[in-house]
Amino acid sequence: MKQPLNIFWFRRDLRLDDNLGFYEALKGKNTVLPIFIFDTDILDKLPKDDARVAFIHKTLQDMREVLQKEHNSSIAIYHGKPIDIYKTLVEAYDIETVYTNHDYEPYAKERDEAIASFLETHNIDFKTYKDQVIFEKDEVVKADGTPYVVYTPYMKTWKEKFKSYNLEIFYTNAYMDNLVEHTRLPNLSLSDIGFKTSHQNITPYTVTPKLIQDYEDTRNFPAKDATSRLGPHLRFGTASVRKMVKKAIAEKNEIFWQELIWREFFMQILWHFPHTAKDSFKSKYDRIKWRNNETEFKAWCEGKTGYPFVDAGMRQLNETGFMHNRVRMLVGSFLCKHLLIDWRWGEAYFAEKLHDYDMASNIGNWQWVAGSGVDAAPYFRIFNPTTQIQKFDKDLTYIKTWVPDFQELTYPQPIVDHKMARERCLETYKSALN
């Protein structure tokens, strides 16, 4: 007779310590089989040299090595549709409970509901935990129970609620003996799942006391490279949000802390308003008559608009998979307001290129620059891509790094005149919104 066991399913939580679902699984009475599924429903849409897939694969191999060397265990790695993988798992093992952590994106919610229903037909429990945020779903809402759609009051209520919150770190080491004793669980190479190594690397994060203390003074200047690079690590769970909040509090830095709260603000917006994944939060903004000129979109994608600050951002993105947040606002505004190209085009391009792509934040920020989202910039706020240089890159250090040809004769002429584009944008938005 097969021994009963529990499964822990790693997803957006690729770390062995301070992982709540993993911690709860390890504390249970049965031994735990850790698994990861390379989901073909997600992978089939990605370029074959996607740096994020390579990063996930490398992280899993590192985790397997720790479990093999220190705990005589491992992680079973699969490739396919999650429902199909679970069909084979229930045949192979006597599973009592599947543990995992919450995921809030629309596809993930549907997937988890389907898995939970399937497991229920086999009398298997499906338990999920809050792990990638401090507060989720409707934990921070207005007094009448409705969601906040403006950041500042959400942030204030978040901080108020946090005062009575027990910020616990879930140390798993004491329970690792509860893992299955098996170091030869199924593994897959990158090529087994149809991918290859990327020329890009996901940069390790830096969250030193100095970076946090200087954050307010340095974060707006892309040449300084003074951001934490935490984005992908929070996205894939190689960093614990609880530990990061603890660091922000230790350094008493409100601005750094508030950036972490922005992330949760956008997550609860997507959870409450899943239609915003495809439609404008403010529905009247879907009446805007976008020009959607494909030649201009291509020039924007390639960093050939003739506006050096915009082009520097796009070239940095294409080359490295990263773009400084201040520049993201500028290139987003330029696409929607100067070129009158639908924010969804830009959102999709960022989704393909950004290492730290997170659906909630990406959609939230793109709708912010387009004016169509929650707490958005008013439509008549149009960044001037030339005066922004004076404010944020006056020595041209960032521009010279990414657009060394900006003073050459070969550098393109501006794709559009700023004054004309601004007037055209105001007119187009006004006629759609009135």
Protein backbone atom coordinates (compact mmCIF):
# COMPACT_ATOMS: atom_id res chain seq x y z
CA MET A 1 0.00 0.00 0.00
CA LYS A 2 1.27 3.50 -0.94
CA GLN A 3 2.18 5.80 1.93
CA PRO A 4 -0.02 8.93 2.06
CA LEU A 5 1.84 12.15 1.35
CA ASN A 6 1.21 15.84 0.78
CA ILE A 7 2.37 17.92 -2.17
CA PHE A 8 3.75 21.43 -2.06
CA TRP A 9 3.40 23.17 -5.44
CA PHE A 10 5.99 25.92 -6.00
CA ARG A 11 4.86 28.74 -8.31
CA ARG A 12 5.57 32.44 -7.67
CA ASP A 13 7.42 31.60 -4.46
CA LEU A 14 10.78 30.18 -5.48
CA ARG A 15 12.50 30.10 -2.09
CA LEU A 16 12.85 27.50 0.65
CA ASP A 17 12.65 29.84 3.63
CA ASP A 18 9.86 32.21 4.73
CA ASN A 19 7.43 30.56 2.32
CA LEU A 20 4.10 30.26 4.13
CA GLY A 21 2.49 27.49 2.07
CA PHE A 22 5.70 25.42 2.17
CA TYR A 23 5.97 26.02 5.93
CA GLU A 24 2.38 24.85 6.49
CA ALA A 25 2.92 21.77 4.32
CA LEU A 26 6.11 20.82 6.20
CA LYS A 27 4.32 21.14 9.55
CA GLY A 28 1.66 18.61 8.49
CA LYS A 29 1.65 14.95 9.54
CA ASN A 30 2.58 13.52 6.12
CA THR A 31 5.86 13.70 4.25
CA VAL A 32 5.96 16.44 1.60
CA LEU A 33 6.74 16.06 -2.11
CA PRO A 34 7.76 19.48 -3.54
CA ILE A 35 6.87 20.00 -7.21
CA PHE A 36 7.11 22.66 -9.91
CA ILE A 37 5.21 22.63 -13.21
CA PHE A 38 6.49 24.44 -16.29
CA ASP A 39 3.01 25.34 -17.52
CA THR A 40 2.69 25.01 -21.31
CA ASP A 41 -0.34 27.33 -21.31
CA ILE A 42 2.08 30.09 -20.23
CA LEU A 43 5.32 28.94 -21.89
CA ASP A 44 3.89 28.45 -25.37
CA LYS A 45 3.34 32.22 -25.69
CA LEU A 46 6.94 33.17 -24.83
CA PRO A 47 10.10 33.65 -26.96
CA LYS A 48 12.39 30.62 -26.73
CA ASP A 49 15.25 32.59 -25.20
CA ASP A 50 13.09 34.21 -22.51
CA ALA A 51 15.39 35.23 -19.65
CA ARG A 52 12.61 34.75 -17.11
CA VAL A 53 12.19 31.07 -17.97
CA ALA A 54 15.97 30.56 -17.76
CA PHE A 55 15.96 32.35 -14.38
CA ILE A 56 13.15 30.14 -13.02
CA HIS A 57 14.96 27.03 -14.28
CA LYS A 58 18.29 28.07 -12.71
CA THR A 59 16.59 28.97 -9.41
CA LEU A 60 14.89 25.57 -9.27
CA GLN A 61 18.20 23.80 -9.92
CA ASP A 62 19.80 25.77 -7.07
CA MET A 63 16.90 24.86 -4.76
CA ARG A 64 17.15 21.19 -5.77
CA GLU A 65 20.86 21.21 -4.99
CA VAL A 66 20.27 22.57 -1.47
CA LEU A 67 17.56 19.98 -0.81
CA GLN A 68 19.72 17.15 -2.17
CA LYS A 69 22.87 18.08 -0.26
CA GLU A 70 21.33 19.13 3.03
CA HIS A 71 18.06 17.23 3.31
CA ASN A 72 18.34 14.14 1.09
CA SER A 73 15.34 15.39 -0.88
CA SER A 74 14.62 17.35 -4.07
CA ILE A 75 11.91 19.00 -6.19
CA ALA A 76 10.02 17.07 -8.87
CA ILE A 77 9.88 19.16 -12.05
CA TYR A 78 7.20 18.64 -14.70
CA HIS A 79 6.25 20.20 -18.04
CA GLY A 80 2.71 20.35 -19.39
CA LYS A 81 -0.77 21.55 -18.52
CA PRO A 82 -1.16 21.57 -14.71
CA ILE A 83 -4.42 19.59 -14.83
CA ASP A 84 -2.71 16.83 -16.85
CA ILE A 85 0.23 16.71 -14.44
CA TYR A 86 -2.16 16.32 -11.50
CA LYS A 87 -3.94 13.47 -13.29
CA THR A 88 -0.63 11.57 -13.41
CA LEU A 89 0.27 12.53 -9.81
CA VAL A 90 -2.95 11.13 -8.34
CA GLU A 91 -2.24 7.85 -10.14
CA ALA A 92 1.34 7.71 -8.84
CA TYR A 93 0.85 8.77 -5.21
CA ASP A 94 -1.64 8.55 -2.36
CA ILE A 95 -2.08 12.32 -1.94
CA GLU A 96 -3.98 13.72 1.05
CA THR A 97 -3.46 17.46 0.56
CA VAL A 98 -1.96 19.78 -2.05
CA TYR A 99 -0.50 22.95 -0.54
CA THR A 100 0.38 26.08 -2.49
CA ASN A 101 0.29 29.89 -2.23
CA HIS A 102 -2.36 32.25 -3.60
CA ASP A 103 -2.02 33.69 -7.07
CA TYR A 104 -4.34 36.57 -7.98
CA GLU A 105 -4.10 36.87 -11.76
CA PRO A 106 -7.18 35.92 -13.84
CA TYR A 107 -5.56 32.91 -15.53
CA ALA A 108 -4.15 31.65 -12.22
CA LYS A 109 -7.53 31.93 -10.49
CA GLU A 110 -9.21 29.86 -13.23
CA ARG A 111 -6.40 27.28 -13.20
CA ASP A 112 -6.56 26.89 -9.43
CA GLU A 113 -10.35 26.52 -9.42
CA ALA A 114 -10.06 23.74 -12.04
CA ILE A 115 -7.30 21.96 -10.07
CA ALA A 116 -9.25 22.26 -6.78
CA SER A 117 -12.38 20.78 -8.42
CA PHE A 118 -10.40 17.90 -9.91
CA LEU A 119 -8.66 17.12 -6.61
CA GLU A 120 -11.99 17.21 -4.78
CA THR A 121 -13.25 14.34 -6.99
CA HIS A 122 -10.34 12.31 -5.54
CA ASN A 123 -11.03 13.48 -1.95
CA ILE A 124 -7.81 15.51 -1.93
CA ASP A 125 -7.74 18.87 -0.13
CA PHE A 126 -6.35 21.94 -1.90
CA LYS A 127 -5.01 24.50 0.59
CA THR A 128 -3.61 27.87 -0.47
CA TYR A 129 -1.98 30.62 1.58
CA LYS A 130 -1.22 34.32 1.38
CA ASP A 131 2.49 34.63 0.71
CA GLN A 132 3.43 37.22 -1.94
CA VAL A 133 1.80 40.21 -0.21
CA ILE A 134 1.20 41.53 3.29
CA PHE A 135 -2.47 42.39 2.60
CA GLU A 136 -4.57 40.90 -0.20
CA LYS A 137 -7.98 40.91 -1.87
CA ASP A 138 -10.38 42.80 0.42
CA GLU A 139 -8.19 43.09 3.53
CA VAL A 140 -7.64 46.82 2.94
CA VAL A 141 -10.96 48.39 1.95
CA LYS A 142 -13.01 51.49 2.78
CA ALA A 143 -15.23 51.59 5.85
CA ASP A 144 -18.22 50.56 3.69
CA GLY A 145 -16.36 47.50 2.39
CA THR A 146 -15.78 48.82 -1.16
CA PRO A 147 -12.27 48.78 -2.67
CA TYR A 148 -10.01 51.80 -2.76
CA VAL A 149 -9.35 53.12 -6.25
CA VAL A 150 -7.03 55.94 -5.16
CA TYR A 151 -3.58 55.05 -3.86
CA THR A 152 -3.03 57.57 -1.02
CA PRO A 153 -6.06 56.63 1.13
CA TYR A 154 -5.35 52.94 0.42
CA MET A 155 -1.75 53.41 1.57
CA LYS A 156 -2.84 55.23 4.76
CA THR A 157 -5.34 52.50 5.64
CA TRP A 158 -2.72 49.84 4.81
CA LYS A 159 -0.27 51.45 7.24
CA GLU A 160 -2.93 51.84 9.93
CA LYS A 161 -3.87 48.16 9.62
CA PHE A 162 -0.20 47.20 9.67
CA LYS A 163 0.22 48.69 13.16
CA SER A 164 -1.70 45.75 14.64
CA TYR A 165 -0.33 43.19 12.16
CA ASN A 166 1.99 40.46 13.39
CA LEU A 167 4.80 40.47 10.82
CA GLU A 168 6.05 36.92 11.26
CA ILE A 169 8.89 35.25 9.36
CA PHE A 170 8.19 31.56 8.66
CA TYR A 171 11.47 29.72 9.20
CA THR A 172 11.22 26.30 7.55
CA ASN A 173 14.54 24.78 8.57
CA ALA A 174 13.23 23.05 11.69
CA TYR A 175 10.73 21.06 9.58
CA MET A 176 12.83 20.02 6.57
CA ASP A 177 13.02 16.41 7.84
CA ASN A 178 9.42 16.11 6.72
CA LEU A 179 10.39 16.16 3.02
CA VAL A 180 10.29 12.98 0.94
CA GLU A 181 13.64 11.21 1.06
CA HIS A 182 14.44 11.07 -2.60
CA THR A 183 17.11 12.99 -4.47
CA ARG A 184 16.31 11.55 -7.90
CA LEU A 185 12.92 13.11 -8.50
CA PRO A 186 12.13 14.00 -12.15
CA ASN A 187 14.12 16.92 -13.53
CA LEU A 188 14.15 18.74 -16.87
CA SER A 189 16.78 20.73 -18.71
CA LEU A 190 15.96 24.04 -20.39
CA SER A 191 16.01 22.33 -23.78
CA ASP A 192 13.62 19.63 -22.50
CA ILE A 193 10.99 22.35 -22.15
CA GLY A 194 11.85 23.91 -25.53
CA PHE A 195 13.93 26.86 -24.29
CA LYS A 196 17.54 27.98 -24.49
CA THR A 197 19.83 30.16 -22.41
CA SER A 198 19.18 33.88 -22.80
CA HIS A 199 21.87 36.52 -23.45
CA GLN A 200 20.17 38.52 -20.69
CA ASN A 201 20.55 37.89 -16.97
CA ILE A 202 18.22 38.82 -14.16
CA THR A 203 20.26 41.06 -11.87
CA PRO A 204 20.48 40.08 -8.19
CA TYR A 205 18.65 42.50 -5.93
CA THR A 206 20.37 44.98 -3.62
CA VAL A 207 18.54 46.03 -0.49
CA THR A 208 21.27 47.46 1.73
CA PRO A 209 20.58 49.98 4.51
CA LYS A 210 22.34 52.64 2.39
CA LEU A 211 20.21 51.97 -0.71
CA ILE A 212 17.04 52.27 1.38
CA GLN A 213 18.24 55.41 3.18
CA ASP A 214 19.23 57.13 -0.09
CA TYR A 215 16.20 55.88 -2.01
CA GLU A 216 14.21 59.12 -2.01
CA ASP A 217 17.18 61.18 -3.24
CA THR A 218 18.39 58.81 -5.95
CA ARG A 219 15.43 56.85 -7.29
CA ASN A 220 14.40 59.35 -10.00
CA PHE A 221 17.74 59.51 -11.78
CA PRO A 222 18.22 56.62 -14.20
CA ALA A 223 21.97 57.21 -14.65
CA LYS A 224 22.57 56.49 -10.96
CA ASP A 225 21.31 52.88 -11.17
CA ALA A 226 20.23 53.27 -7.54
CA THR A 227 17.13 51.09 -7.61
CA SER A 228 16.93 47.81 -5.69
CA ARG A 229 16.22 45.57 -8.74
CA LEU A 230 13.75 43.78 -6.45
CA GLY A 231 11.00 43.58 -9.11
CA PRO A 232 11.70 40.15 -10.65
CA HIS A 233 12.58 38.71 -7.24
CA LEU A 234 9.23 39.70 -5.76
CA ARG A 235 7.55 38.54 -8.98
CA PHE A 236 9.05 35.05 -8.82
CA GLY A 237 9.31 34.88 -5.05
CA THR A 238 13.09 34.59 -4.79
CA ALA A 239 12.74 37.45 -2.25
CA SER A 240 10.25 37.44 0.60
CA VAL A 241 8.00 40.49 0.79
CA ARG A 242 7.81 40.09 4.59
CA LYS A 243 11.59 40.37 4.90
CA MET A 244 11.64 43.39 2.57
CA VAL A 245 8.98 45.23 4.58
CA LYS A 246 10.95 44.44 7.72
CA LYS A 247 14.06 46.03 6.15
CA ALA A 248 12.11 49.14 5.09
CA ILE A 249 10.77 49.54 8.64
CA ALA A 250 14.22 49.01 10.18
CA GLU A 251 15.59 51.88 8.07
CA LYS A 252 12.47 54.01 8.73
CA ASN A 253 12.17 54.80 5.02
CA GLU A 254 8.60 55.64 4.08
CA ILE A 255 9.27 56.04 0.34
CA PHE A 256 10.82 52.59 -0.09
CA TRP A 257 8.02 51.09 1.98
CA GLN A 258 5.39 52.89 -0.10
CA GLU A 259 6.78 51.36 -3.30
CA LEU A 260 6.05 47.94 -1.81
CA ILE A 261 2.52 49.14 -0.97
CA TRP A 262 1.97 50.34 -4.58
CA ARG A 263 2.53 46.74 -5.67
CA GLU A 264 -0.24 45.54 -3.34
CA PHE A 265 -2.54 48.39 -4.40
CA PHE A 266 -2.39 47.28 -8.04
CA MET A 267 -2.82 43.62 -7.06
CA GLN A 268 -6.04 44.30 -5.19
CA ILE A 269 -7.28 46.46 -8.11
CA LEU A 270 -6.79 43.55 -10.54
CA TRP A 271 -8.45 41.18 -8.05
CA HIS A 272 -11.51 43.45 -7.59
CA PHE A 273 -11.67 44.58 -11.23
CA PRO A 274 -10.41 41.69 -13.40
CA HIS A 275 -11.85 43.41 -16.52
CA THR A 276 -8.96 45.91 -16.31
CA ALA A 277 -6.65 43.23 -17.72
CA LYS A 278 -8.18 44.01 -21.12
CA ASP A 279 -10.44 47.05 -20.77
CA SER A 280 -10.00 50.53 -19.38
CA PHE A 281 -10.94 50.91 -15.72
CA LYS A 282 -12.80 54.09 -16.76
CA SER A 283 -14.88 52.65 -19.59
CA LYS A 284 -15.31 55.96 -21.44
CA TYR A 285 -11.56 55.83 -22.22
CA ASP A 286 -12.27 52.87 -24.49
CA ARG A 287 -13.93 55.39 -26.82
CA ILE A 288 -10.58 57.02 -27.65
CA LYS A 289 -9.83 56.80 -31.37
CA TRP A 290 -6.24 55.52 -31.27
CA ARG A 291 -4.14 56.09 -34.39
CA ASN A 292 -2.27 52.79 -33.88
CA ASN A 293 0.27 53.53 -36.63
CA GLU A 294 2.34 50.34 -36.96
CA THR A 295 5.43 52.08 -38.38
CA GLU A 296 5.51 54.50 -35.46
CA PHE A 297 4.95 51.65 -33.00
CA LYS A 298 7.93 49.80 -34.49
CA ALA A 299 10.10 52.94 -34.16
CA TRP A 300 9.02 53.23 -30.51
CA CYS A 301 9.79 49.54 -29.84
CA GLU A 302 13.25 49.85 -31.38
CA GLY A 303 14.15 53.14 -29.66
CA LYS A 304 14.21 55.14 -32.89
CA THR A 305 11.71 57.93 -32.20
CA GLY A 306 14.25 60.76 -32.42
CA TYR A 307 13.61 61.62 -28.76
CA PRO A 308 16.81 60.51 -26.96
CA PHE A 309 15.31 60.00 -23.48
CA VAL A 310 12.50 57.83 -24.87
CA ASP A 311 14.92 55.92 -27.10
CA ALA A 312 17.36 55.34 -24.24
CA GLY A 313 14.61 53.69 -22.20
CA MET A 314 13.48 51.43 -25.02
CA ARG A 315 17.02 50.41 -25.94
CA GLN A 316 17.82 49.66 -22.30
CA LEU A 317 14.69 47.48 -22.15
CA ASN A 318 15.51 45.61 -25.35
CA GLU A 319 19.11 45.04 -24.37
CA THR A 320 18.71 44.16 -20.68
CA GLY A 321 15.06 43.37 -19.85
CA PHE A 322 15.05 46.29 -17.40
CA MET A 323 13.96 49.90 -17.64
CA HIS A 324 14.23 52.53 -14.93
CA ASN A 325 10.80 53.38 -13.47
CA ARG A 326 11.04 57.12 -14.15
CA VAL A 327 11.76 56.35 -17.82
CA ARG A 328 8.88 53.82 -17.96
CA MET A 329 6.47 56.67 -17.24
CA LEU A 330 7.99 58.78 -20.01
CA VAL A 331 8.03 56.10 -22.72
CA GLY A 332 4.49 55.03 -21.78
CA SER A 333 3.17 58.56 -21.92
CA PHE A 334 4.96 59.13 -25.24
CA LEU A 335 3.34 56.07 -26.82
CA CYS A 336 -0.21 56.87 -25.65
CA LYS A 337 -0.19 60.67 -25.80
CA HIS A 338 2.34 61.65 -28.50
CA LEU A 339 1.69 58.76 -30.89
CA LEU A 340 -1.91 58.00 -29.85
CA ILE A 341 -1.20 54.27 -29.75
CA ASP A 342 -3.41 52.11 -27.56
CA TRP A 343 -1.91 51.46 -24.10
CA ARG A 344 -2.59 47.72 -24.61
CA TRP A 345 0.07 47.63 -27.36
CA GLY A 346 2.67 49.03 -24.97
CA GLU A 347 1.48 46.80 -22.13
CA ALA A 348 1.89 43.69 -24.32
CA TYR A 349 5.38 44.76 -25.42
CA PHE A 350 6.46 45.30 -21.81
CA ALA A 351 4.91 41.95 -20.85
CA GLU A 352 7.18 40.25 -23.37
CA LYS A 353 10.36 42.17 -22.52
CA LEU A 354 10.38 43.12 -18.82
CA HIS A 355 12.09 40.73 -16.43
CA ASP A 356 9.94 42.08 -13.60
CA TYR A 357 6.70 41.86 -15.59
CA ASP A 358 3.81 41.53 -13.18
CA MET A 359 0.35 41.73 -14.72
CA ALA A 360 -1.23 43.86 -11.97
CA SER A 361 1.53 46.49 -11.84
CA ASN A 362 2.07 46.55 -15.61
CA ILE A 363 -1.61 47.08 -16.38
CA GLY A 364 -1.98 49.52 -13.50
CA ASN A 365 0.96 51.65 -14.65
CA TRP A 366 0.02 51.58 -18.35
CA GLN A 367 -3.54 52.63 -17.55
CA TRP A 368 -2.07 55.33 -15.30
CA VAL A 369 -0.08 56.91 -18.15
CA ALA A 370 -3.01 56.56 -20.57
CA GLY A 371 -5.31 58.27 -18.05
CA SER A 372 -7.78 55.39 -18.17
CA GLY A 373 -6.97 53.64 -14.89
CA VAL A 374 -7.50 54.07 -11.17
CA ASP A 375 -5.85 57.11 -9.61
CA ALA A 376 -4.55 57.96 -13.09
CA ALA A 377 -2.68 60.99 -14.28
CA PRO A 378 -5.23 63.37 -15.83
CA TYR A 379 -5.33 63.05 -19.61
CA PHE A 380 -4.01 66.59 -20.09
CA ARG A 381 -0.80 65.74 -18.20
CA ILE A 382 1.58 65.09 -21.08
CA PHE A 383 5.26 64.66 -20.32
CA ASN A 384 7.56 66.76 -22.48
CA PRO A 385 10.27 64.27 -23.53
CA THR A 386 12.84 67.06 -23.97
CA THR A 387 12.37 69.01 -20.72
CA GLN A 388 12.36 65.68 -18.82
CA ILE A 389 16.05 65.35 -19.77
CA GLN A 390 16.83 68.59 -17.92
CA LYS A 391 15.05 67.27 -14.82
CA PHE A 392 16.34 63.70 -14.68
CA ASP A 393 19.42 63.32 -16.92
CA LYS A 394 20.84 66.79 -17.34
CA ASP A 395 24.42 65.55 -17.83
CA LEU A 396 23.11 63.14 -20.51
CA THR A 397 24.87 60.24 -18.77
CA TYR A 398 21.94 57.85 -19.18
CA ILE A 399 21.26 58.96 -22.76
CA LYS A 400 24.92 58.61 -23.78
CA THR A 401 24.97 55.07 -22.33
CA TRP A 402 22.02 53.84 -24.38
CA VAL A 403 21.88 56.22 -27.35
CA PRO A 404 25.54 56.92 -28.16
CA ASP A 405 24.46 57.97 -31.67
CA PHE A 406 22.08 60.72 -30.52
CA GLN A 407 24.30 63.51 -31.91
CA GLU A 408 25.20 61.69 -35.12
CA LEU A 409 23.71 62.49 -38.52
CA THR A 410 22.39 58.92 -38.61
CA TYR A 411 20.20 59.49 -35.55
CA PRO A 412 16.53 59.76 -36.62
CA GLN A 413 14.66 63.05 -36.72
CA PRO A 414 11.86 63.34 -34.13
CA ILE A 415 9.00 61.09 -35.24
CA VAL A 416 6.47 63.75 -34.26
CA ASP A 417 6.53 67.42 -33.25
CA HIS A 418 5.89 67.75 -29.50
CA LYS A 419 3.62 70.80 -29.70
CA MET A 420 1.50 69.36 -32.50
CA ALA A 421 1.31 65.94 -30.80
CA ARG A 422 0.23 67.52 -27.52
CA GLU A 423 -2.60 69.48 -29.19
CA ARG A 424 -3.70 66.42 -31.21
CA CYS A 425 -3.77 64.32 -28.05
CA LEU A 426 -5.87 66.86 -26.10
CA GLU A 427 -8.33 67.12 -28.98
CA THR A 428 -8.62 63.33 -29.42
CA TYR A 429 -9.13 62.68 -25.71
CA LYS A 430 -11.61 65.56 -25.33
CA SER A 431 -13.78 64.38 -28.20
CA ALA A 432 -13.85 60.82 -26.78
CA LEU A 433 -14.56 61.79 -23.18
CA ASN A 434 -17.13 64.57 -23.59
